[in-house]
C-alpha atoms as a PDB file:
ATOM      1  CA  MET A   1      99.805 115.544 100.347  1.00  0.00           C
ATOM      2  CA  GLU A   2      97.136 116.284 102.933  1.00  0.00           C
ATOM      3  CA  ALA A   3      97.935 119.347 105.031  1.00  0.00           C
ATOM      4  CA  ARG A   4      94.985 119.351 107.401  1.00  0.00           C
ATOM      5  CA  LYS A   5      95.346 118.034 110.945  1.00  0.00           C
ATOM      6  CA  GLY A   6      91.739 116.939 111.414  1.00  0.00           C
ATOM      7  CA  PHE A   7      90.465 113.412 110.892  1.00  0.00           C
ATOM      8  CA  SER A   8      90.386 112.667 107.155  1.00  0.00           C
ATOM      9  CA  ILE A   9      89.438 109.788 104.855  1.00  0.00           C
ATOM     10  CA  THR A  10      93.128 108.827 104.759  1.00  0.00           C
ATOM     11  CA  ASP A  11      93.115 108.462 108.549  1.00  0.00           C
ATOM     12  CA  PHE A  12      90.126 106.125 108.230  1.00  0.00           C
ATOM     13  CA  TYR A  13      91.948 104.101 105.580  1.00  0.00           C
ATOM     14  CA  MET A  14      95.034 103.747 107.778  1.00  0.00           C
ATOM     15  CA  ILE A  15      92.940 102.554 110.737  1.00  0.00           C
ATOM     16  CA  LEU A  16      91.259 100.018 108.433  1.00  0.00           C
ATOM     17  CA  VAL A  17      94.666  98.842 107.202  1.00  0.00           C
ATOM     18  CA  MET A  18      95.840  98.213 110.746  1.00  0.00           C
ATOM     19  CA  THR A  19      92.623  96.377 111.599  1.00  0.00           C
ATOM     20  CA  LEU A  20      93.107  94.055 108.630  1.00  0.00           C
ATOM     21  CA  TRP A  21      96.788  93.505 109.326  1.00  0.00           C
ATOM     22  CA  GLY A  22      96.083  92.868 112.995  1.00  0.00           C
ATOM     23  CA  SER A  23      93.665  90.117 112.036  1.00  0.00           C
ATOM     24  CA  ASP A  24      96.370  88.524 109.880  1.00  0.00           C
ATOM     25  CA  TYR A  25      98.211  87.233 112.947  1.00  0.00           C
ATOM     26  CA  PRO A  26      95.666  84.688 114.210  1.00  0.00           C
ATOM     27  CA  PHE A  27      94.703  83.608 110.692  1.00  0.00           C
ATOM     28  CA  ALA A  28      98.348  83.131 109.733  1.00  0.00           C
ATOM     29  CA  LYS A  29      98.854  81.044 112.871  1.00  0.00           C
ATOM     30  CA  PHE A  30      95.938  78.839 111.823  1.00  0.00           C
ATOM     31  CA  ALA A  31      97.329  78.418 108.303  1.00  0.00           C
ATOM     32  CA  MET A  32     100.893  77.611 109.343  1.00  0.00           C
ATOM     33  CA  ARG A  33      99.750  74.691 111.439  1.00  0.00           C
ATOM     34  CA  GLU A  34      99.376  72.885 108.106  1.00  0.00           C
ATOM     35  CA  VAL A  35     101.403  74.986 105.665  1.00  0.00           C
ATOM     36  CA  SER A  36     105.131  75.768 105.798  1.00  0.00           C
ATOM     37  CA  PRO A  37     105.983  79.455 106.370  1.00  0.00           C
ATOM     38  CA  MET A  38     107.665  79.906 102.978  1.00  0.00           C
ATOM     39  CA  SER A  39     104.787  78.217 101.145  1.00  0.00           C
ATOM     40  CA  PHE A  40     102.289  80.330 103.065  1.00  0.00           C
ATOM     41  CA  ALA A  41     104.133  83.528 102.079  1.00  0.00           C
ATOM     42  CA  ALA A  42     104.343  82.368  98.453  1.00  0.00           C
ATOM     43  CA  MET A  43     100.677  81.387  98.147  1.00  0.00           C
ATOM     44  CA  ARG A  44      99.312  84.559  99.736  1.00  0.00           C
ATOM     45  CA  THR A  45     101.441  86.637  97.361  1.00  0.00           C
ATOM     46  CA  LEU A  46     100.385  84.644  94.284  1.00  0.00           C
ATOM     47  CA  MET A  47      96.690  84.835  95.199  1.00  0.00           C
ATOM     48  CA  ALA A  48      96.830  88.580  95.778  1.00  0.00           C
ATOM     49  CA  THR A  49      98.555  89.187  92.456  1.00  0.00           C
ATOM     50  CA  VAL A  50      96.063  87.052  90.510  1.00  0.00           C
ATOM     51  CA  ILE A  51      93.145  88.864  92.149  1.00  0.00           C
ATOM     52  CA  LEU A  52      94.449  92.403  91.736  1.00  0.00           C
ATOM     53  CA  PHE A  53      96.176  92.335  88.372  1.00  0.00           C
ATOM     54  CA  PRO A  54      92.998  92.466  86.199  1.00  0.00           C
ATOM     55  CA  PHE A  55      91.995  95.560  88.164  1.00  0.00           C
ATOM     56  CA  PHE A  56      95.438  97.074  87.617  1.00  0.00           C
ATOM     57  CA  LEU A  57      95.238  96.458  83.871  1.00  0.00           C
ATOM     58  CA  ARG A  58      91.852  98.192  83.631  1.00  0.00           C
ATOM     59  CA  GLN A  59      92.697 101.188  85.783  1.00  0.00           C
ATOM     60  CA  GLU A  60      96.294 102.000  84.917  1.00  0.00           C
ATOM     61  CA  LYS A  61      96.912 103.451  81.455  1.00  0.00           C
ATOM     62  CA  ASP A  62     100.608 104.221  81.640  1.00  0.00           C
ATOM     63  CA  TRP A  63     102.842 101.199  82.315  1.00  0.00           C
ATOM     64  CA  SER A  64     106.053 102.789  81.084  1.00  0.00           C
ATOM     65  CA  LEU A  65     109.110 102.694  83.324  1.00  0.00           C
ATOM     66  CA  SER A  66     112.678 103.798  82.929  1.00  0.00           C
ATOM     67  CA  ARG A  67     115.373 101.195  83.483  1.00  0.00           C
ATOM     68  CA  LYS A  68     116.400 103.036  86.652  1.00  0.00           C
ATOM     69  CA  HIS A  69     112.873 102.975  88.070  1.00  0.00           C
ATOM     70  CA  PHE A  70     112.348  99.327  87.139  1.00  0.00           C
ATOM     71  CA  LEU A  71     115.493  98.348  89.039  1.00  0.00           C
ATOM     72  CA  ALA A  72     114.273 100.460  91.945  1.00  0.00           C
ATOM     73  CA  LEU A  73     110.950  98.592  91.923  1.00  0.00           C
ATOM     74  CA  ILE A  74     112.821  95.287  92.024  1.00  0.00           C
ATOM     75  CA  GLY A  75     114.561  96.548  95.142  1.00  0.00           C
ATOM     76  CA  LEU A  76     111.255  97.641  96.678  1.00  0.00           C
ATOM     77  CA  ALA A  77     109.704  94.252  95.882  1.00  0.00           C
ATOM     78  CA  CYS A  78     112.625  92.519  97.573  1.00  0.00           C
ATOM     79  CA  LEU A  79     112.125  94.678 100.670  1.00  0.00           C
ATOM     80  CA  GLY A  80     108.365  95.143 100.941  1.00  0.00           C
ATOM     81  CA  THR A  81     107.156  91.854  99.491  1.00  0.00           C
ATOM     82  CA  PHE A  82     109.766  89.113  99.546  1.00  0.00           C
ATOM     83  CA  LEU A  83     112.027  89.863 102.529  1.00  0.00           C
ATOM     84  CA  ASN A  84     109.262  91.332 104.671  1.00  0.00           C
ATOM     85  CA  ARG A  85     106.862  88.413 104.142  1.00  0.00           C
ATOM     86  CA  VAL A  86     109.551  85.770 104.537  1.00  0.00           C
ATOM     87  CA  CYS A  87     110.723  87.285 107.821  1.00  0.00           C
ATOM     88  CA  TRP A  88     107.143  87.800 109.011  1.00  0.00           C
ATOM     89  CA  SER A  89     106.006  84.260 108.221  1.00  0.00           C
ATOM     90  CA  VAL A  90     109.124  82.442 109.441  1.00  0.00           C
ATOM     91  CA  GLY A  91     109.411  84.642 112.515  1.00  0.00           C
ATOM     92  CA  LEU A  92     105.738  84.305 113.453  1.00  0.00           C
ATOM     93  CA  ASN A  93     106.062  80.527 113.156  1.00  0.00           C
ATOM     94  CA  LEU A  94     108.969  80.547 115.625  1.00  0.00           C
ATOM     95  CA  THR A  95     107.644  83.003 118.198  1.00  0.00           C
ATOM     96  CA  THR A  96     104.351  84.016 119.762  1.00  0.00           C
ATOM     97  CA  ALA A  97     101.829  86.337 118.153  1.00  0.00           C
ATOM     98  CA  SER A  98     102.284  88.715 121.108  1.00  0.00           C
ATOM     99  CA  ASN A  99     106.025  89.037 120.590  1.00  0.00           C
ATOM    100  CA  ALA A 100     105.575  89.394 116.838  1.00  0.00           C
ATOM    101  CA  GLY A 101     103.016  92.190 117.223  1.00  0.00           C
ATOM    102  CA  LEU A 102     105.211  94.101 119.660  1.00  0.00           C
ATOM    103  CA  LEU A 103     108.371  93.826 117.558  1.00  0.00           C
ATOM    104  CA  MET A 104     106.628  94.815 114.319  1.00  0.00           C
ATOM    105  CA  ALA A 105     105.570  97.977 116.127  1.00  0.00           C
ATOM    106  CA  ALA A 106     109.256  98.949 116.156  1.00  0.00           C
ATOM    107  CA  SER A 107     108.890  99.976 112.488  1.00  0.00           C
ATOM    108  CA  PRO A 108     108.270 103.673 113.328  1.00  0.00           C
ATOM    109  CA  ILE A 109     111.588 103.812 115.170  1.00  0.00           C
ATOM    110  CA  PHE A 110     113.363 102.536 112.074  1.00  0.00           C
ATOM    111  CA  VAL A 111     111.345 104.847 109.813  1.00  0.00           C
ATOM    112  CA  LEU A 112     112.443 107.899 111.802  1.00  0.00           C
ATOM    113  CA  ILE A 113     116.077 106.920 111.314  1.00  0.00           C
ATOM    114  CA  VAL A 114     115.774 105.888 107.669  1.00  0.00           C
ATOM    115  CA  SER A 115     113.738 109.005 106.782  1.00  0.00           C
ATOM    116  CA  PHE A 116     116.372 111.224 108.347  1.00  0.00           C
ATOM    117  CA  PHE A 117     119.199 109.682 106.323  1.00  0.00           C
ATOM    118  CA  PHE A 118     117.427 109.042 102.994  1.00  0.00           C
ATOM    119  CA  LEU A 119     114.836 111.829 102.784  1.00  0.00           C
ATOM    120  CA  ARG A 120     116.529 114.382 105.046  1.00  0.00           C
ATOM    121  CA  THR A 121     113.220 114.616 106.892  1.00  0.00           C
ATOM    122  CA  ASP A 122     113.079 116.831 109.971  1.00  0.00           C
ATOM    123  CA  VAL A 123     112.068 114.822 113.021  1.00  0.00           C
ATOM    124  CA  THR A 124     110.569 117.087 115.679  1.00  0.00           C
ATOM    125  CA  PHE A 125     110.935 116.498 119.383  1.00  0.00           C
ATOM    126  CA  ARG A 126     107.142 116.127 119.702  1.00  0.00           C
ATOM    127  CA  ALA A 127     107.077 113.440 116.976  1.00  0.00           C
ATOM    128  CA  ALA A 128     109.889 111.523 118.671  1.00  0.00           C
ATOM    129  CA  VAL A 129     108.111 111.680 122.025  1.00  0.00           C
ATOM    130  CA  GLY A 130     104.869 110.553 120.375  1.00  0.00           C
ATOM    131  CA  VAL A 131     106.636 107.508 118.934  1.00  0.00           C
ATOM    132  CA  LEU A 132     108.085 106.566 122.319  1.00  0.00           C
ATOM    133  CA  VAL A 133     104.763 107.086 124.118  1.00  0.00           C
ATOM    134  CA  SER A 134     102.963 104.892 121.596  1.00  0.00           C
ATOM    135  CA  PHE A 135     105.630 102.202 121.922  1.00  0.00           C
ATOM    136  CA  VAL A 136     105.001 102.098 125.683  1.00  0.00           C
ATOM    137  CA  GLY A 137     101.278 101.720 124.948  1.00  0.00           C
ATOM    138  CA  VAL A 138     101.944  98.868 122.560  1.00  0.00           C
ATOM    139  CA  PHE A 139     103.970  97.090 125.228  1.00  0.00           C
ATOM    140  CA  LEU A 140     101.075  97.379 127.677  1.00  0.00           C
ATOM    141  CA  VAL A 141      98.555  96.127 125.096  1.00  0.00           C
ATOM    142  CA  ILE A 142     100.576  93.101 124.059  1.00  0.00           C
ATOM    143  CA  LYS A 143     102.309  92.038 127.263  1.00  0.00           C
ATOM    144  CA  GLY A 144     100.865  93.902 130.243  1.00  0.00           C
ATOM    145  CA  ASP A 145     104.033  93.054 132.219  1.00  0.00           C
ATOM    146  CA  TRP A 146     107.554  91.720 131.730  1.00  0.00           C
ATOM    147  CA  LYS A 147     106.511  88.075 131.684  1.00  0.00           C
ATOM    148  CA  GLY A 148     106.517  85.986 128.540  1.00  0.00           C
ATOM    149  CA  TRP A 149     109.954  86.696 127.039  1.00  0.00           C
ATOM    150  CA  SER A 150     111.856  83.434 126.839  1.00  0.00           C
ATOM    151  CA  SER A 151     114.869  82.019 125.025  1.00  0.00           C
ATOM    152  CA  HIS A 152     112.824  79.588 122.917  1.00  0.00           C
ATOM    153  CA  THR A 153     111.323  82.528 121.020  1.00  0.00           C
ATOM    154  CA  PHE A 154     114.578  84.463 120.633  1.00  0.00           C
ATOM    155  CA  ARG A 155     115.339  83.396 117.058  1.00  0.00           C
ATOM    156  CA  GLY A 156     111.794  84.118 115.933  1.00  0.00           C
ATOM    157  CA  ASP A 157     111.900  87.520 117.646  1.00  0.00           C
ATOM    158  CA  LEU A 158     115.059  88.472 115.742  1.00  0.00           C
ATOM    159  CA  ILE A 159     113.515  87.411 112.422  1.00  0.00           C
ATOM    160  CA  ILE A 160     110.366  89.443 113.146  1.00  0.00           C
ATOM    161  CA  LEU A 161     112.598  92.413 113.903  1.00  0.00           C
ATOM    162  CA  GLY A 162     114.064  91.925 110.422  1.00  0.00           C
ATOM    163  CA  ALA A 163     110.534  92.150 109.017  1.00  0.00           C
ATOM    164  CA  ALA A 164     109.982  95.435 110.849  1.00  0.00           C
ATOM    165  CA  LEU A 165     113.260  96.830 109.536  1.00  0.00           C
ATOM    166  CA  SER A 166     112.593  95.788 105.928  1.00  0.00           C
ATOM    167  CA  TRP A 167     109.110  97.323 106.071  1.00  0.00           C
ATOM    168  CA  ALA A 168     110.543 100.596 107.379  1.00  0.00           C
ATOM    169  CA  PHE A 169     112.984 100.804 104.471  1.00  0.00           C
ATOM    170  CA  PHE A 170     110.187  99.983 102.039  1.00  0.00           C
ATOM    171  CA  THR A 171     107.894 102.660 103.475  1.00  0.00           C
ATOM    172  CA  VAL A 172     110.504 105.390 103.193  1.00  0.00           C
ATOM    173  CA  LEU A 173     111.960 104.442  99.800  1.00  0.00           C
ATOM    174  CA  ALA A 174     108.507 103.961  98.228  1.00  0.00           C
ATOM    175  CA  LYS A 175     107.711 107.596  99.020  1.00  0.00           C
ATOM    176  CA  LYS A 176     110.492 108.756  96.700  1.00  0.00           C
ATOM    177  CA  MET A 177     109.113 106.775  93.748  1.00  0.00           C
ATOM    178  CA  LEU A 178     105.548 107.913  94.337  1.00  0.00           C
ATOM    179  CA  LYS A 179     106.610 111.330  93.098  1.00  0.00           C
ATOM    180  CA  ASP A 180     106.926 109.893  89.578  1.00  0.00           C
ATOM    181  CA  HIS A 181     104.421 107.014  89.473  1.00  0.00           C
ATOM    182  CA  SER A 182     100.908 106.274  90.719  1.00  0.00           C
ATOM    183  CA  SER A 183     100.403 104.103  93.788  1.00  0.00           C
ATOM    184  CA  LEU A 184      98.415 101.677  91.635  1.00  0.00           C
ATOM    185  CA  LYS A 185     101.229 101.190  89.116  1.00  0.00           C
ATOM    186  CA  MET A 186     103.803 100.750  91.870  1.00  0.00           C
ATOM    187  CA  THR A 187     101.663  98.226  93.724  1.00  0.00           C
ATOM    188  CA  ALA A 188     101.120  96.217  90.537  1.00  0.00           C
ATOM    189  CA  TYR A 189     104.799  96.030  89.632  1.00  0.00           C
ATOM    190  CA  ILE A 190     105.906  95.282  93.200  1.00  0.00           C
ATOM    191  CA  MET A 191     103.372  92.469  93.604  1.00  0.00           C
ATOM    192  CA  LEU A 192     104.223  90.969  90.210  1.00  0.00           C
ATOM    193  CA  ILE A 193     107.953  90.998  90.889  1.00  0.00           C
ATOM    194  CA  GLY A 194     107.378  89.617  94.379  1.00  0.00           C
ATOM    195  CA  THR A 195     105.293  86.777  92.972  1.00  0.00           C
ATOM    196  CA  VAL A 196     108.086  85.787  90.592  1.00  0.00           C
ATOM    197  CA  LEU A 197     110.543  85.739  93.506  1.00  0.00           C
ATOM    198  CA  PHE A 198     108.212  83.485  95.519  1.00  0.00           C
ATOM    199  CA  LEU A 199     107.398  80.916  92.801  1.00  0.00           C
ATOM    200  CA  PRO A 200     110.189  78.457  93.778  1.00  0.00           C
ATOM    201  CA  PHE A 201     108.749  78.275  97.306  1.00  0.00           C
ATOM    202  CA  LEU A 202     105.134  77.609  96.334  1.00  0.00           C
ATOM    203  CA  PRO A 203     105.018  73.810  96.981  1.00  0.00           C
ATOM    204  CA  ASN A 204     103.940  73.040 100.563  1.00  0.00           C
ATOM    205  CA  GLU A 205     106.777  71.228 102.320  1.00  0.00           C
ATOM    206  CA  LYS A 206     104.573  69.745 105.032  1.00  0.00           C
ATOM    207  CA  ALA A 207     103.169  66.221 104.737  1.00  0.00           C
ATOM    208  CA  GLY A 208     100.316  65.947 102.241  1.00  0.00           C
ATOM    209  CA  GLY A 209     101.190  69.192 100.481  1.00  0.00           C
ATOM    210  CA  TRP A 210      98.366  71.556  99.573  1.00  0.00           C
ATOM    211  CA  LYS A 211      95.928  68.714  98.877  1.00  0.00           C
ATOM    212  CA  GLU A 212      95.650  67.600 102.490  1.00  0.00           C
ATOM    213  CA  ILE A 213      95.167  70.909 104.310  1.00  0.00           C
ATOM    214  CA  SER A 214      91.833  71.650 105.979  1.00  0.00           C
ATOM    215  CA  TRP A 215      89.182  74.146 104.917  1.00  0.00           C
ATOM    216  CA  MET A 216      90.192  76.382 107.856  1.00  0.00           C
ATOM    217  CA  ALA A 217      93.781  76.508 106.643  1.00  0.00           C
ATOM    218  CA  TRP A 218      92.612  77.359 103.110  1.00  0.00           C
ATOM    219  CA  PHE A 219      90.272  80.049 104.448  1.00  0.00           C
ATOM    220  CA  SER A 220      93.101  81.545 106.502  1.00  0.00           C
ATOM    221  CA  VAL A 221      95.437  81.688 103.507  1.00  0.00           C
ATOM    222  CA  ILE A 222      92.725  83.258 101.327  1.00  0.00           C
ATOM    223  CA  TYR A 223      91.772  85.768 104.031  1.00  0.00           C
ATOM    224  CA  VAL A 224      95.343  86.974 104.485  1.00  0.00           C
ATOM    225  CA  ALA A 225      95.832  87.146 100.705  1.00  0.00           C
ATOM    226  CA  VAL A 226      92.638  89.087  99.970  1.00  0.00           C
ATOM    227  CA  MET A 227      92.294  91.335 103.013  1.00  0.00           C
ATOM    228  CA  GLY A 228      95.901  91.744 104.101  1.00  0.00           C
ATOM    229  CA  ASN A 229      97.698  91.620 100.756  1.00  0.00           C
ATOM    230  CA  CYS A 230      95.138  93.169  98.405  1.00  0.00           C
ATOM    231  CA  LEU A 231      92.950  95.686 100.185  1.00  0.00           C
ATOM    232  CA  ALA A 232      95.247  96.715 103.032  1.00  0.00           C
ATOM    233  CA  TYR A 233      98.391  96.817 100.898  1.00  0.00           C
ATOM    234  CA  PHE A 234      96.795  99.128  98.332  1.00  0.00           C
ATOM    235  CA  LEU A 235      95.393 101.459 101.003  1.00  0.00           C
ATOM    236  CA  TRP A 236      98.786 101.564 102.709  1.00  0.00           C
ATOM    237  CA  ILE A 237     100.487 102.769  99.526  1.00  0.00           C
ATOM    238  CA  ARG A 238      97.793 105.421  99.097  1.00  0.00           C
ATOM    239  CA  GLY A 239      98.275 106.509 102.686  1.00  0.00           C
ATOM    240  CA  ILE A 240     102.011 107.001 102.213  1.00  0.00           C
ATOM    241  CA  GLN A 241     101.283 109.092  99.140  1.00  0.00           C
ATOM    242  CA  ASN A 242      98.757 111.296 100.960  1.00  0.00           C
ATOM    243  CA  ILE A 243     100.282 111.849 104.399  1.00  0.00           C
ATOM    244  CA  GLY A 244     103.921 110.753 104.056  1.00  0.00           C
ATOM    245  CA  PRO A 245     105.856 107.863 105.630  1.00  0.00           C
ATOM    246  CA  LEU A 246     106.373 109.385 109.080  1.00  0.00           C
ATOM    247  CA  ARG A 247     102.685 110.009 109.718  1.00  0.00           C
ATOM    248  CA  ALA A 248     101.615 106.776 108.045  1.00  0.00           C
ATOM    249  CA  ILE A 249     103.951 104.555 110.040  1.00  0.00           C
ATOM    250  CA  LEU A 250     102.539 105.867 113.334  1.00  0.00           C
ATOM    251  CA  TYR A 251      99.369 103.914 112.633  1.00  0.00           C
ATOM    252  CA  GLN A 252     101.491 100.761 112.867  1.00  0.00           C
ATOM    253  CA  TYR A 253     100.891 101.004 116.606  1.00  0.00           C
ATOM    254  CA  LEU A 254      97.205 100.242 116.109  1.00  0.00           C
ATOM    255  CA  MET A 255      97.972  96.842 114.600  1.00  0.00           C
ATOM    256  CA  PRO A 256      98.872  95.139 117.919  1.00  0.00           C
ATOM    257  CA  VAL A 257      95.668  96.546 119.435  1.00  0.00           C
ATOM    258  CA  THR A 258      93.518  94.998 116.719  1.00  0.00           C
ATOM    259  CA  ALA A 259      95.605  91.819 116.835  1.00  0.00           C
ATOM    260  CA  VAL A 260      94.697  91.397 120.510  1.00  0.00           C
ATOM    261  CA  LEU A 261      91.013  92.010 119.791  1.00  0.00           C
ATOM    262  CA  PHE A 262      91.030  89.310 117.112  1.00  0.00           C
ATOM    263  CA  ALA A 263      93.134  86.926 119.199  1.00  0.00           C
ATOM    264  CA  ILE A 264      90.599  86.921 122.046  1.00  0.00           C
ATOM    265  CA  PRO A 265      87.852  85.018 120.147  1.00  0.00           C
ATOM    266  CA  PHE A 266      90.054  83.130 117.662  1.00  0.00           C
ATOM    267  CA  LEU A 267      93.017  82.076 119.825  1.00  0.00           C
ATOM    268  CA  GLY A 268      91.290  82.055 123.204  1.00  0.00           C
ATOM    269  CA  GLU A 269      93.425  84.829 124.687  1.00  0.00           C
ATOM    270  CA  THR A 270      92.174  87.099 127.466  1.00  0.00           C
ATOM    271  CA  ILE A 271      92.565  90.868 127.832  1.00  0.00           C
ATOM    272  CA  ARG A 272      93.766  92.576 131.011  1.00  0.00           C
ATOM    273  CA  ALA A 273      93.074  96.038 132.357  1.00  0.00           C
ATOM    274  CA  THR A 274      96.645  97.078 131.572  1.00  0.00           C
ATOM    275  CA  GLN A 275      95.995  96.247 127.912  1.00  0.00           C
ATOM    276  CA  VAL A 276      92.948  98.515 127.846  1.00  0.00           C
ATOM    277  CA  TRP A 277      95.053 101.335 129.284  1.00  0.00           C
ATOM    278  CA  GLY A 278      97.736 100.516 126.750  1.00  0.00           C
ATOM    279  CA  ALA A 279      95.273 100.994 123.898  1.00  0.00           C
ATOM    280  CA  ALA A 280      94.480 104.466 125.227  1.00  0.00           C
ATOM    281  CA  VAL A 281      98.198 105.289 125.387  1.00  0.00           C
ATOM    282  CA  VAL A 282      98.605 104.173 121.763  1.00  0.00           C
ATOM    283  CA  PHE A 283      95.992 106.626 120.541  1.00  0.00           C
ATOM    284  CA  GLY A 284      97.464 109.351 122.741  1.00  0.00           C
ATOM    285  CA  GLY A 285     100.900 108.821 121.239  1.00  0.00           C
ATOM    286  CA  ILE A 286      99.583 109.010 117.691  1.00  0.00           C
ATOM    287  CA  PHE A 287      97.751 112.255 118.499  1.00  0.00           C
ATOM    288  CA  LEU A 288     100.886 113.727 120.065  1.00  0.00           C
ATOM    289  CA  ALA A 289     103.107 112.808 117.112  1.00  0.00           C
ATOM    290  CA  ARG A 290     100.656 114.176 114.526  1.00  0.00           C
ATOM    291  CA  SER A 291     100.048 117.494 116.293  1.00  0.00           C
ATOM    292  CA  LYS A 292     102.280 120.535 115.941  1.00  0.00           C
END
């Protein structure tokens, strides 16, 4: 694990991950205009597995697993692939991208709690304050004020919160298995198991099925599968291995910032001065939590 406090290649990777995941929000919105949420989640998972598995087979030499570890990987796949993507897709379809981005940023709060109970990790006062400061910054970036919360998005908000919680559990529990297996092997098994779980939901329930969707919808599905599921997912696992779940999850706060920047040109949203200040608070919170 990296011990240095200065900016490292892992920090760059984590920023790139959050940029890619932030861009997933507008592209997923485009896709789910013509594709059902469950079918969208299933197709993006299948595409990512098909693309990455030849690489996994070439690079990984040891595919052996104990029965205990295989069952653990099934649990991780249920959390980090199936449950997380179902909640994210269904929730995003029922709420706004702004609400979804803000609620997903609650993952570090859950990670602090889960890490304390499962890994017996010490949570310093400075780290806790850094998390809270960054959460305030995220609120400013996404909302800018208290307007926008309404009852018609309540169910979607709760489902998105479930996605944040499942991702927090995945982040913490994956760290324990990375002591015994490479990030590449774990990613391969988790994606393969997740794909099997999603196969029953692959047919598009909306009128016309997959044959009638537009090129923009196809591009959006492919983009999320390749950039969000393949590249970002692999770098995220590597990041957990190098800097640990508590430090890695702090970068989750950058995702709403990048989501706003992508939403401006693609969804026609505008950015306010409070959102610019919020972005600065986000970076300040991450710096505070990482320092000693």
